């Protein structure tokens, strides 16, 4: 150390009594050993760093899952569990589904697993399970059918249609629910039936010799039905007792699948007559001409017109 630098150091130490003079002198001496021409060995330093990294013990990095992501995964797991349970439940509760279809003017009897007999009219279909394993006995009808339902108060029999449903415990009735028609009709022969409008609280309770008619989106009403002409397609019999001609025509159109144009002047005329199984529409028209003195003309295949001046 030069004399001038040494003098300055001693002067600084004397002015700073709180700093040990030996420590300051040691640091000063070390500083004198520093070589200004020193250059670090970068390659050697990198090599030593790599060795430390490779030789250090491996540690697994734990990444914390985002809270939202964790919630969504829990929800997904719950949904998967519900679907799995639902699939298993349906597998054991529901039986294989069967379907019966009839063509025009074809009739078919279907015996269900509970002993219920269903007679399908033409252009109809019935969907039902091979066995009833739930709390209800549910079937689906499109078209028309006569039901003789096996009695079971613990398991109601339910018929679903496009616009309404029917619920019974054990009874016999006719249900007409063709999707192309604007009404659904139930005519009860024995027992009690509930006619319910879909997606509505409107309903009717019907008993023997009563008929419920739902005009889609318009009204639901109960009517007396002392004669089962609604079942003429099944029994082959027609019974008219003081029935207005416009109602007779409606029955004939359904029974024989024809179109009849009725003169308004005679639509209220009353008609009484009985026809046995196998009766043709020509035989009905012949009786109508004789009793009411009306004129009936065939306008085309399946098309007729009835005219008259007044009721006889």
C-alpha atoms as a PDB file:
ATOM      1  CA  UNK A   1       0.000   0.000   0.000  1.00  0.00           C
ATOM      2  CA  UNK A   2       1.374   3.454  -0.826  1.00  0.00           C
ATOM      3  CA  UNK A   3       2.220   5.908   2.005  1.00  0.00           C
ATOM      4  CA  UNK A   4      -0.483   8.286   0.866  1.00  0.00           C
ATOM      5  CA  UNK A   5      -3.194   5.555   0.861  1.00  0.00           C
ATOM      6  CA  UNK A   6      -1.978   4.248   4.221  1.00  0.00           C
ATOM      7  CA  UNK A   7      -2.241   7.758   5.706  1.00  0.00           C
ATOM      8  CA  UNK A   8      -5.793   8.137   4.432  1.00  0.00           C
ATOM      9  CA  UNK A   9      -6.845   4.712   5.811  1.00  0.00           C
ATOM     10  CA  UNK A  10      -5.444   5.534   9.269  1.00  0.00           C
ATOM     11  CA  UNK A  11      -7.207   8.844   9.270  1.00  0.00           C
ATOM     12  CA  UNK A  12     -10.573   7.157   8.372  1.00  0.00           C
ATOM     13  CA  UNK A  13     -10.158   4.481  11.111  1.00  0.00           C
ATOM     14  CA  UNK A  14      -9.459   7.154  13.772  1.00  0.00           C
ATOM     15  CA  UNK A  15     -12.653   8.936  12.720  1.00  0.00           C
ATOM     16  CA  UNK A  16     -14.720   5.713  12.928  1.00  0.00           C
ATOM     17  CA  UNK A  17     -13.973   4.224  16.348  1.00  0.00           C
ATOM     18  CA  UNK A  18     -17.018   1.911  16.237  1.00  0.00           C
ATOM     19  CA  UNK A  19     -15.461  -0.170  13.426  1.00  0.00           C
ATOM     20  CA  UNK A  20     -12.717  -2.623  14.503  1.00  0.00           C
ATOM     21  CA  UNK A  21      -9.458  -1.505  12.920  1.00  0.00           C
ATOM     22  CA  UNK A  22      -8.215  -5.084  12.399  1.00  0.00           C
ATOM     23  CA  UNK A  23     -11.235  -5.988  10.221  1.00  0.00           C
ATOM     24  CA  UNK A  24     -10.770  -2.941   8.049  1.00  0.00           C
ATOM     25  CA  UNK A  25      -7.063  -3.625   7.614  1.00  0.00           C
ATOM     26  CA  UNK A  26      -7.731  -7.270   6.673  1.00  0.00           C
ATOM     27  CA  UNK A  27     -10.247  -6.289   4.026  1.00  0.00           C
ATOM     28  CA  UNK A  28      -7.894  -3.722   2.655  1.00  0.00           C
ATOM     29  CA  UNK A  29      -5.103  -6.266   2.393  1.00  0.00           C
ATOM     30  CA  UNK A  30      -7.373  -8.725   0.570  1.00  0.00           C
ATOM     31  CA  UNK A  31      -8.380  -6.088  -1.889  1.00  0.00           C
ATOM     32  CA  UNK A  32      -4.750  -5.652  -2.776  1.00  0.00           C
ATOM     33  CA  UNK A  33      -4.573  -9.235  -3.977  1.00  0.00           C
ATOM     34  CA  UNK A  34      -7.332  -8.633  -6.627  1.00  0.00           C
ATOM     35  CA  UNK A  35      -6.037  -8.929 -10.153  1.00  0.00           C
ATOM     36  CA  UNK A  36      -7.632  -6.513 -12.555  1.00  0.00           C
ATOM     37  CA  UNK A  37      -6.702  -8.773 -15.432  1.00  0.00           C
ATOM     38  CA  UNK A  38      -8.764 -11.716 -14.046  1.00  0.00           C
ATOM     39  CA  UNK A  39     -11.097 -13.425 -16.536  1.00  0.00           C
ATOM     40  CA  UNK A  40     -13.734 -16.014 -15.335  1.00  0.00           C
ATOM     41  CA  UNK A  41     -13.803 -19.526 -16.893  1.00  0.00           C
ATOM     42  CA  UNK A  42     -17.419 -19.616 -18.158  1.00  0.00           C
ATOM     43  CA  UNK A  43     -17.230 -23.132 -19.650  1.00  0.00           C
ATOM     44  CA  UNK A  44     -15.897 -24.562 -16.427  1.00  0.00           C
ATOM     45  CA  UNK A  45     -18.660 -22.840 -14.445  1.00  0.00           C
ATOM     46  CA  UNK A  46     -21.426 -24.202 -16.672  1.00  0.00           C
ATOM     47  CA  UNK A  47     -19.949 -27.703 -16.406  1.00  0.00           C
ATOM     48  CA  UNK A  48     -19.953 -27.519 -12.629  1.00  0.00           C
ATOM     49  CA  UNK A  49     -23.582 -26.273 -12.633  1.00  0.00           C
ATOM     50  CA  UNK A  50     -24.728 -29.196 -14.831  1.00  0.00           C
ATOM     51  CA  UNK A  51     -23.004 -31.649 -12.500  1.00  0.00           C
ATOM     52  CA  UNK A  52     -24.866 -30.201  -9.517  1.00  0.00           C
ATOM     53  CA  UNK A  53     -28.212 -30.436 -11.319  1.00  0.00           C
ATOM     54  CA  UNK A  54     -27.671 -34.043 -12.453  1.00  0.00           C
ATOM     55  CA  UNK A  55     -26.451 -35.191  -9.050  1.00  0.00           C
ATOM     56  CA  UNK A  56     -29.218 -33.496  -7.051  1.00  0.00           C
ATOM     57  CA  UNK A  57     -32.184 -35.725  -5.858  1.00  0.00           C
ATOM     58  CA  UNK A  58     -35.285 -35.588  -8.116  1.00  0.00           C
ATOM     59  CA  UNK A  59     -38.370 -33.907  -6.745  1.00  0.00           C
ATOM     60  CA  UNK A  60     -41.901 -34.322  -8.143  1.00  0.00           C
ATOM     61  CA  UNK A  61     -43.550 -31.018  -8.970  1.00  0.00           C
ATOM     62  CA  UNK A  62     -47.077 -30.784  -7.545  1.00  0.00           C
ATOM     63  CA  UNK A  63     -49.393 -28.534  -9.525  1.00  0.00           C
ATOM     64  CA  UNK A  64     -52.462 -27.255  -7.697  1.00  0.00           C
ATOM     65  CA  UNK A  65     -55.689 -27.806  -9.690  1.00  0.00           C
ATOM     66  CA  UNK A  66     -57.761 -24.776 -10.411  1.00  0.00           C
ATOM     67  CA  UNK A  67     -60.806 -24.716  -8.082  1.00  0.00           C
ATOM     68  CA  UNK A  68     -63.333 -24.286 -10.915  1.00  0.00           C
ATOM     69  CA  UNK A  69     -61.820 -27.123 -12.864  1.00  0.00           C
ATOM     70  CA  UNK A  70     -62.016 -29.365  -9.804  1.00  0.00           C
ATOM     71  CA  UNK A  71     -65.728 -28.550  -9.349  1.00  0.00           C
ATOM     72  CA  UNK A  72     -66.520 -29.316 -12.996  1.00  0.00           C
ATOM     73  CA  UNK A  73     -64.727 -32.645 -12.780  1.00  0.00           C
ATOM     74  CA  UNK A  74     -66.767 -33.521  -9.694  1.00  0.00           C
ATOM     75  CA  UNK A  75     -69.994 -32.617 -11.537  1.00  0.00           C
ATOM     76  CA  UNK A  76     -68.970 -34.702 -14.552  1.00  0.00           C
ATOM     77  CA  UNK A  77     -68.241 -37.665 -12.297  1.00  0.00           C
ATOM     78  CA  UNK A  78     -71.656 -37.298 -10.628  1.00  0.00           C
ATOM     79  CA  UNK A  79     -73.448 -37.162 -13.998  1.00  0.00           C
ATOM     80  CA  UNK A  80     -71.602 -40.252 -15.181  1.00  0.00           C
ATOM     81  CA  UNK A  81     -72.684 -42.060 -12.008  1.00  0.00           C
ATOM     82  CA  UNK A  82     -76.337 -41.035 -12.422  1.00  0.00           C
ATOM     83  CA  UNK A  83     -76.344 -42.165 -16.060  1.00  0.00           C
ATOM     84  CA  UNK A  84     -74.825 -45.487 -15.101  1.00  0.00           C
ATOM     85  CA  UNK A  85     -77.409 -46.015 -12.359  1.00  0.00           C
ATOM     86  CA  UNK A  86     -80.214 -44.909 -14.686  1.00  0.00           C
ATOM     87  CA  UNK A  87     -79.141 -47.342 -17.370  1.00  0.00           C
ATOM     88  CA  UNK A  88     -79.017 -50.189 -14.869  1.00  0.00           C
ATOM     89  CA  UNK A  89     -82.409 -49.193 -13.411  1.00  0.00           C
ATOM     90  CA  UNK A  90     -84.052 -49.086 -16.827  1.00  0.00           C
ATOM     91  CA  UNK A  91     -82.516 -52.413 -17.728  1.00  0.00           C
ATOM     92  CA  UNK A  92     -84.191 -54.083 -14.743  1.00  0.00           C
ATOM     93  CA  UNK A  93     -87.451 -52.083 -14.603  1.00  0.00           C
ATOM     94  CA  UNK A  94     -88.488 -51.981 -18.256  1.00  0.00           C
ATOM     95  CA  UNK A  95     -89.240 -54.956 -20.415  1.00  0.00           C
ATOM     96  CA  UNK A  96     -88.568 -55.148 -24.161  1.00  0.00           C
ATOM     97  CA  UNK A  97     -91.099 -53.101 -26.157  1.00  0.00           C
ATOM     98  CA  UNK A  98     -93.455 -54.762 -28.626  1.00  0.00           C
ATOM     99  CA  UNK A  99     -95.533 -53.185 -31.368  1.00  0.00           C
ATOM    100  CA  UNK A 100     -98.671 -54.379 -33.163  1.00  0.00           C
ATOM    101  CA  UNK A 101     -99.880 -52.651 -36.340  1.00  0.00           C
ATOM    102  CA  UNK A 102    -103.043 -53.199 -38.388  1.00  0.00           C
ATOM    103  CA  UNK A 103    -103.762 -52.239 -41.982  1.00  0.00           C
ATOM    104  CA  UNK A 104    -106.967 -50.752 -43.387  1.00  0.00           C
ATOM    105  CA  UNK A 105    -110.090 -52.800 -42.473  1.00  0.00           C
ATOM    106  CA  UNK A 106    -107.908 -55.275 -40.585  1.00  0.00           C
ATOM    107  CA  UNK A 107    -108.605 -56.269 -36.980  1.00  0.00           C
ATOM    108  CA  UNK A 108    -106.255 -57.941 -34.560  1.00  0.00           C
ATOM    109  CA  UNK A 109    -106.518 -59.251 -30.992  1.00  0.00           C
ATOM    110  CA  UNK A 110    -103.563 -58.672 -28.669  1.00  0.00           C
ATOM    111  CA  UNK A 111    -103.221 -60.374 -25.277  1.00  0.00           C
ATOM    112  CA  UNK A 112    -101.060 -58.475 -22.811  1.00  0.00           C
ATOM    113  CA  UNK A 113     -98.958 -59.969 -20.024  1.00  0.00           C
ATOM    114  CA  UNK A 114    -101.446 -58.942 -17.302  1.00  0.00           C
ATOM    115  CA  UNK A 115    -104.371 -60.700 -19.006  1.00  0.00           C
ATOM    116  CA  UNK A 116    -105.770 -57.602 -20.713  1.00  0.00           C
ATOM    117  CA  UNK A 117    -107.316 -58.170 -24.145  1.00  0.00           C
ATOM    118  CA  UNK A 118    -106.918 -55.445 -26.762  1.00  0.00           C
ATOM    119  CA  UNK A 119    -108.738 -55.574 -30.091  1.00  0.00           C
ATOM    120  CA  UNK A 120    -107.208 -53.236 -32.656  1.00  0.00           C
ATOM    121  CA  UNK A 121    -109.259 -51.632 -35.417  1.00  0.00           C
ATOM    122  CA  UNK A 122    -107.836 -50.905 -38.881  1.00  0.00           C
ATOM    123  CA  UNK A 123    -104.976 -48.429 -39.411  1.00  0.00           C
ATOM    124  CA  UNK A 124    -104.005 -48.628 -35.742  1.00  0.00           C
ATOM    125  CA  UNK A 125    -100.930 -49.413 -33.702  1.00  0.00           C
ATOM    126  CA  UNK A 126    -100.339 -50.520 -30.121  1.00  0.00           C
ATOM    127  CA  UNK A 127     -96.994 -50.220 -28.352  1.00  0.00           C
ATOM    128  CA  UNK A 128     -96.626 -52.152 -25.091  1.00  0.00           C
ATOM    129  CA  UNK A 129     -93.983 -53.830 -22.884  1.00  0.00           C
ATOM    130  CA  UNK A 130     -93.439 -57.548 -22.796  1.00  0.00           C
ATOM    131  CA  UNK A 131     -94.166 -57.398 -19.065  1.00  0.00           C
ATOM    132  CA  UNK A 132     -95.438 -54.708 -16.686  1.00  0.00           C
ATOM    133  CA  UNK A 133     -92.799 -54.111 -13.995  1.00  0.00           C
ATOM    134  CA  UNK A 134     -93.458 -50.548 -12.805  1.00  0.00           C
ATOM    135  CA  UNK A 135     -96.223 -48.975 -10.734  1.00  0.00           C
ATOM    136  CA  UNK A 136     -98.525 -48.716 -13.754  1.00  0.00           C
ATOM    137  CA  UNK A 137     -99.427 -50.760 -16.806  1.00  0.00           C
ATOM    138  CA  UNK A 138     -98.765 -48.278 -19.600  1.00  0.00           C
ATOM    139  CA  UNK A 139     -99.331 -48.758 -23.339  1.00  0.00           C
ATOM    140  CA  UNK A 140     -99.429 -46.367 -26.303  1.00  0.00           C
ATOM    141  CA  UNK A 141    -102.256 -46.321 -28.841  1.00  0.00           C
ATOM    142  CA  UNK A 142    -102.515 -44.654 -32.221  1.00  0.00           C
ATOM    143  CA  UNK A 143    -105.871 -45.324 -33.860  1.00  0.00           C
ATOM    144  CA  UNK A 144    -108.783 -47.223 -32.343  1.00  0.00           C
ATOM    145  CA  UNK A 145    -109.048 -50.202 -30.030  1.00  0.00           C
ATOM    146  CA  UNK A 146    -111.385 -51.979 -27.644  1.00  0.00           C
ATOM    147  CA  UNK A 147    -109.854 -52.720 -24.222  1.00  0.00           C
ATOM    148  CA  UNK A 148    -110.979 -55.396 -21.802  1.00  0.00           C
ATOM    149  CA  UNK A 149    -108.611 -54.548 -18.950  1.00  0.00           C
ATOM    150  CA  UNK A 150    -107.667 -57.089 -16.296  1.00  0.00           C
ATOM    151  CA  UNK A 151    -108.545 -55.774 -12.814  1.00  0.00           C
ATOM    152  CA  UNK A 152    -105.599 -54.732 -10.640  1.00  0.00           C
ATOM    153  CA  UNK A 153    -106.295 -51.900  -8.135  1.00  0.00           C
ATOM    154  CA  UNK A 154    -102.617 -51.701  -7.141  1.00  0.00           C
ATOM    155  CA  UNK A 155    -101.397 -51.112 -10.686  1.00  0.00           C
ATOM    156  CA  UNK A 156    -103.574 -48.802 -12.841  1.00  0.00           C
ATOM    157  CA  UNK A 157    -103.776 -49.382 -16.576  1.00  0.00           C
ATOM    158  CA  UNK A 158    -102.785 -46.272 -18.574  1.00  0.00           C
ATOM    159  CA  UNK A 159    -103.221 -45.690 -22.308  1.00  0.00           C
ATOM    160  CA  UNK A 160    -101.236 -42.824 -23.800  1.00  0.00           C
ATOM    161  CA  UNK A 161    -102.390 -41.178 -27.045  1.00  0.00           C
ATOM    162  CA  UNK A 162    -101.239 -38.099 -28.942  1.00  0.00           C
ATOM    163  CA  UNK A 163    -103.691 -35.671 -27.295  1.00  0.00           C
ATOM    164  CA  UNK A 164    -104.994 -37.424 -24.174  1.00  0.00           C
ATOM    165  CA  UNK A 165    -104.585 -40.384 -21.855  1.00  0.00           C
ATOM    166  CA  UNK A 166    -106.950 -42.868 -20.232  1.00  0.00           C
ATOM    167  CA  UNK A 167    -106.463 -44.360 -16.774  1.00  0.00           C
ATOM    168  CA  UNK A 168    -108.383 -47.366 -15.433  1.00  0.00           C
ATOM    169  CA  UNK A 169    -108.139 -50.097 -12.809  1.00  0.00           C
ATOM    170  CA  UNK A 170    -110.155 -52.751 -14.605  1.00  0.00           C
ATOM    171  CA  UNK A 171    -112.928 -52.183 -17.115  1.00  0.00           C
ATOM    172  CA  UNK A 172    -113.982 -52.507 -20.751  1.00  0.00           C
ATOM    173  CA  UNK A 173    -114.230 -49.572 -23.133  1.00  0.00           C
ATOM    174  CA  UNK A 174    -113.563 -48.359 -26.649  1.00  0.00           C
ATOM    175  CA  UNK A 175    -110.912 -45.731 -27.317  1.00  0.00           C
ATOM    176  CA  UNK A 176    -110.613 -43.861 -30.609  1.00  0.00           C
ATOM    177  CA  UNK A 177    -107.543 -41.653 -31.088  1.00  0.00           C
ATOM    178  CA  UNK A 178    -106.468 -41.464 -34.716  1.00  0.00           C
ATOM    179  CA  UNK A 179    -103.709 -38.814 -35.039  1.00  0.00           C
ATOM    180  CA  UNK A 180    -105.235 -37.373 -38.226  1.00  0.00           C
ATOM    181  CA  UNK A 181    -108.623 -36.765 -36.552  1.00  0.00           C
ATOM    182  CA  UNK A 182    -109.522 -33.685 -34.499  1.00  0.00           C
ATOM    183  CA  UNK A 183    -110.986 -35.576 -31.533  1.00  0.00           C
ATOM    184  CA  UNK A 184    -110.306 -38.319 -29.001  1.00  0.00           C
ATOM    185  CA  UNK A 185    -113.247 -40.442 -27.856  1.00  0.00           C
ATOM    186  CA  UNK A 186    -113.795 -42.966 -25.070  1.00  0.00           C
ATOM    187  CA  UNK A 187    -116.982 -45.000 -24.748  1.00  0.00           C
ATOM    188  CA  UNK A 188    -117.279 -47.055 -21.550  1.00  0.00           C
ATOM    189  CA  UNK A 189    -119.009 -50.427 -21.484  1.00  0.00           C
ATOM    190  CA  UNK A 190    -118.242 -51.491 -17.895  1.00  0.00           C
ATOM    191  CA  UNK A 191    -116.364 -50.032 -14.921  1.00  0.00           C
ATOM    192  CA  UNK A 192    -114.898 -46.552 -14.555  1.00  0.00           C
ATOM    193  CA  UNK A 193    -112.467 -44.618 -16.767  1.00  0.00           C
ATOM    194  CA  UNK A 194    -110.596 -41.316 -16.368  1.00  0.00           C
ATOM    195  CA  UNK A 195    -110.022 -39.352 -19.574  1.00  0.00           C
ATOM    196  CA  UNK A 196    -107.212 -36.813 -19.133  1.00  0.00           C
ATOM    197  CA  UNK A 197    -106.149 -34.106 -21.578  1.00  0.00           C
ATOM    198  CA  UNK A 198    -102.379 -34.046 -22.107  1.00  0.00           C
ATOM    199  CA  UNK A 199    -100.507 -31.082 -20.582  1.00  0.00           C
ATOM    200  CA  UNK A 200    -103.689 -29.911 -18.876  1.00  0.00           C
ATOM    201  CA  UNK A 201    -105.652 -30.415 -15.666  1.00  0.00           C
ATOM    202  CA  UNK A 202    -108.867 -31.060 -17.617  1.00  0.00           C
ATOM    203  CA  UNK A 203    -110.278 -34.547 -17.098  1.00  0.00           C
ATOM    204  CA  UNK A 204    -113.497 -36.569 -17.031  1.00  0.00           C
ATOM    205  CA  UNK A 205    -114.596 -39.560 -14.983  1.00  0.00           C
ATOM    206  CA  UNK A 206    -116.724 -41.872 -17.107  1.00  0.00           C
ATOM    207  CA  UNK A 207    -118.806 -44.869 -16.071  1.00  0.00           C
ATOM    208  CA  UNK A 208    -120.768 -47.529 -17.969  1.00  0.00           C
ATOM    209  CA  UNK A 209    -122.863 -46.239 -20.883  1.00  0.00           C
ATOM    210  CA  UNK A 210    -121.061 -42.893 -20.892  1.00  0.00           C
ATOM    211  CA  UNK A 211    -118.868 -41.366 -23.551  1.00  0.00           C
ATOM    212  CA  UNK A 212    -116.139 -38.764 -23.230  1.00  0.00           C
ATOM    213  CA  UNK A 213    -115.185 -36.675 -26.253  1.00  0.00           C
ATOM    214  CA  UNK A 214    -112.227 -34.324 -26.387  1.00  0.00           C
ATOM    215  CA  UNK A 215    -112.252 -31.946 -29.367  1.00  0.00           C
ATOM    216  CA  UNK A 216    -108.571 -31.117 -29.531  1.00  0.00           C
ATOM    217  CA  UNK A 217    -107.829 -27.686 -28.143  1.00  0.00           C
ATOM    218  CA  UNK A 218    -111.544 -26.789 -27.956  1.00  0.00           C
ATOM    219  CA  UNK A 219    -113.577 -28.680 -25.369  1.00  0.00           C
ATOM    220  CA  UNK A 220    -113.929 -31.822 -23.293  1.00  0.00           C
ATOM    221  CA  UNK A 221    -117.444 -33.148 -22.675  1.00  0.00           C
ATOM    222  CA  UNK A 222    -119.369 -36.131 -21.367  1.00  0.00           C
ATOM    223  CA  UNK A 223    -122.289 -37.655 -23.283  1.00  0.00           C
ATOM    224  CA  UNK A 224    -124.684 -40.554 -22.680  1.00  0.00           C
ATOM    225  CA  UNK A 225    -123.913 -43.634 -24.746  1.00  0.00           C
ATOM    226  CA  UNK A 226    -126.720 -46.147 -24.229  1.00  0.00           C
ATOM    227  CA  UNK A 227    -125.751 -48.081 -27.366  1.00  0.00           C
ATOM    228  CA  UNK A 228    -122.243 -49.161 -28.236  1.00  0.00           C
ATOM    229  CA  UNK A 229    -122.184 -48.139 -31.894  1.00  0.00           C
ATOM    230  CA  UNK A 230    -118.606 -46.980 -31.344  1.00  0.00           C
ATOM    231  CA  UNK A 231    -117.781 -50.669 -31.159  1.00  0.00           C
ATOM    232  CA  UNK A 232    -119.604 -51.591 -34.354  1.00  0.00           C
ATOM    233  CA  UNK A 233    -116.240 -52.111 -36.071  1.00  0.00           C
ATOM    234  CA  UNK A 234    -115.578 -54.918 -33.568  1.00  0.00           C
ATOM    235  CA  UNK A 235    -119.014 -56.445 -33.012  1.00  0.00           C
ATOM    236  CA  UNK A 236    -120.304 -55.910 -36.542  1.00  0.00           C
ATOM    237  CA  UNK A 237    -123.616 -54.721 -35.052  1.00  0.00           C
ATOM    238  CA  UNK A 238    -125.291 -51.332 -35.426  1.00  0.00           C
ATOM    239  CA  UNK A 239    -128.061 -50.153 -33.108  1.00  0.00           C
ATOM    240  CA  UNK A 240    -129.938 -46.898 -33.704  1.00  0.00           C
ATOM    241  CA  UNK A 241    -132.810 -45.806 -31.487  1.00  0.00           C
ATOM    242  CA  UNK A 242    -134.182 -42.343 -32.150  1.00  0.00           C
ATOM    243  CA  UNK A 243    -130.753 -41.097 -33.161  1.00  0.00           C
ATOM    244  CA  UNK A 244    -130.427 -37.898 -35.200  1.00  0.00           C
ATOM    245  CA  UNK A 245    -129.484 -38.540 -38.813  1.00  0.00           C
ATOM    246  CA  UNK A 246    -126.318 -36.467 -38.614  1.00  0.00           C
ATOM    247  CA  UNK A 247    -125.074 -38.724 -35.781  1.00  0.00           C
ATOM    248  CA  UNK A 248    -126.078 -41.830 -37.748  1.00  0.00           C
ATOM    249  CA  UNK A 249    -124.058 -40.600 -40.724  1.00  0.00           C
ATOM    250  CA  UNK A 250    -121.042 -39.992 -38.488  1.00  0.00           C
ATOM    251  CA  UNK A 251    -121.206 -43.584 -37.229  1.00  0.00           C
ATOM    252  CA  UNK A 252    -121.582 -44.968 -40.754  1.00  0.00           C
ATOM    253  CA  UNK A 253    -118.575 -42.987 -41.977  1.00  0.00           C
ATOM    254  CA  UNK A 254    -116.417 -44.488 -39.250  1.00  0.00           C
ATOM    255  CA  UNK A 255    -117.785 -48.002 -39.554  1.00  0.00           C
ATOM    256  CA  UNK A 256    -117.520 -48.305 -43.330  1.00  0.00           C
ATOM    257  CA  UNK A 257    -114.753 -45.728 -43.948  1.00  0.00           C
ATOM    258  CA  UNK A 258    -116.818 -43.698 -46.392  1.00  0.00           C
ATOM    259  CA  UNK A 259    -117.723 -40.038 -46.897  1.00  0.00           C
ATOM    260  CA  UNK A 260    -121.386 -38.968 -46.737  1.00  0.00           C
ATOM    261  CA  UNK A 261    -122.743 -35.528 -47.667  1.00  0.00           C
ATOM    262  CA  UNK A 262    -125.970 -34.949 -45.689  1.00  0.00           C
ATOM    263  CA  UNK A 263    -128.587 -32.317 -46.579  1.00  0.00           C
ATOM    264  CA  UNK A 264    -128.925 -29.903 -43.633  1.00  0.00           C
ATOM    265  CA  UNK A 265    -132.745 -29.928 -43.943  1.00  0.00           C
ATOM    266  CA  UNK A 266    -132.914 -33.517 -42.732  1.00  0.00           C
ATOM    267  CA  UNK A 267    -129.904 -33.672 -40.402  1.00  0.00           C
ATOM    268  CA  UNK A 268    -132.158 -33.582 -37.292  1.00  0.00           C
ATOM    269  CA  UNK A 269    -134.474 -36.404 -38.440  1.00  0.00           C
ATOM    270  CA  UNK A 270    -134.575 -39.366 -36.035  1.00  0.00           C
ATOM    271  CA  UNK A 271    -133.646 -42.847 -37.199  1.00  0.00           C
ATOM    272  CA  UNK A 272    -134.386 -46.174 -35.475  1.00  0.00           C
ATOM    273  CA  UNK A 273    -133.151 -49.543 -36.746  1.00  0.00           C
ATOM    274  CA  UNK A 274    -130.903 -52.467 -35.805  1.00  0.00           C
ATOM    275  CA  UNK A 275    -128.392 -54.253 -38.019  1.00  0.00           C
ATOM    276  CA  UNK A 276    -126.612 -57.508 -37.335  1.00  0.00           C
ATOM    277  CA  UNK A 277    -123.078 -58.618 -38.002  1.00  0.00           C
ATOM    278  CA  UNK A 278    -122.079 -58.576 -41.641  1.00  0.00           C
ATOM    279  CA  UNK A 279    -124.484 -55.790 -42.630  1.00  0.00           C
ATOM    280  CA  UNK A 280    -123.325 -53.710 -45.614  1.00  0.00           C
ATOM    281  CA  UNK A 281    -123.729 -49.962 -46.018  1.00  0.00           C
ATOM    282  CA  UNK A 282    -126.090 -50.581 -48.929  1.00  0.00           C
ATOM    283  CA  UNK A 283    -128.433 -52.459 -46.579  1.00  0.00           C
ATOM    284  CA  UNK A 284    -128.347 -49.557 -44.089  1.00  0.00           C
ATOM    285  CA  UNK A 285    -129.132 -47.065 -46.861  1.00  0.00           C
ATOM    286  CA  UNK A 286    -132.020 -49.215 -48.083  1.00  0.00           C
ATOM    287  CA  UNK A 287    -133.548 -49.160 -44.598  1.00  0.00           C
ATOM    288  CA  UNK A 288    -133.002 -45.411 -44.356  1.00  0.00           C
ATOM    289  CA  UNK A 289    -134.785 -44.814 -47.678  1.00  0.00           C
ATOM    290  CA  UNK A 290    -137.738 -46.897 -46.580  1.00  0.00           C
ATOM    291  CA  UNK A 291    -138.109 -45.337 -43.117  1.00  0.00           C
ATOM    292  CA  UNK A 292    -137.273 -41.682 -43.854  1.00  0.00           C
ATOM    293  CA  UNK A 293    -138.134 -41.445 -47.547  1.00  0.00           C
ATOM    294  CA  UNK A 294    -134.770 -39.867 -48.381  1.00  0.00           C
ATOM    295  CA  UNK A 295    -132.810 -39.994 -51.611  1.00  0.00           C
ATOM    296  CA  UNK A 296    -129.313 -41.522 -51.492  1.00  0.00           C
ATOM    297  CA  UNK A 297    -126.871 -41.336 -54.352  1.00  0.00           C
ATOM    298  CA  UNK A 298    -123.387 -42.773 -54.819  1.00  0.00           C
ATOM    299  CA  UNK A 299    -121.158 -39.970 -56.112  1.00  0.00           C
ATOM    300  CA  UNK A 300    -117.992 -42.008 -56.427  1.00  0.00           C
ATOM    301  CA  UNK A 301    -116.077 -44.807 -54.792  1.00  0.00           C
ATOM    302  CA  UNK A 302    -116.785 -44.485 -51.065  1.00  0.00           C
ATOM    303  CA  UNK A 303    -118.649 -41.193 -51.526  1.00  0.00           C
ATOM    304  CA  UNK A 304    -122.421 -40.730 -50.991  1.00  0.00           C
ATOM    305  CA  UNK A 305    -124.978 -37.933 -50.678  1.00  0.00           C
ATOM    306  CA  UNK A 306    -128.309 -38.008 -48.807  1.00  0.00           C
ATOM    307  CA  UNK A 307    -131.068 -35.516 -49.706  1.00  0.00           C
ATOM    308  CA  UNK A 308    -134.661 -34.962 -48.610  1.00  0.00           C
ATOM    309  CA  UNK A 309    -137.317 -32.329 -48.116  1.00  0.00           C
ATOM    310  CA  UNK A 310    -138.358 -32.995 -44.554  1.00  0.00           C
ATOM    311  CA  UNK A 311    -138.542 -35.668 -41.882  1.00  0.00           C
ATOM    312  CA  UNK A 312    -141.178 -38.341 -42.447  1.00  0.00           C
END
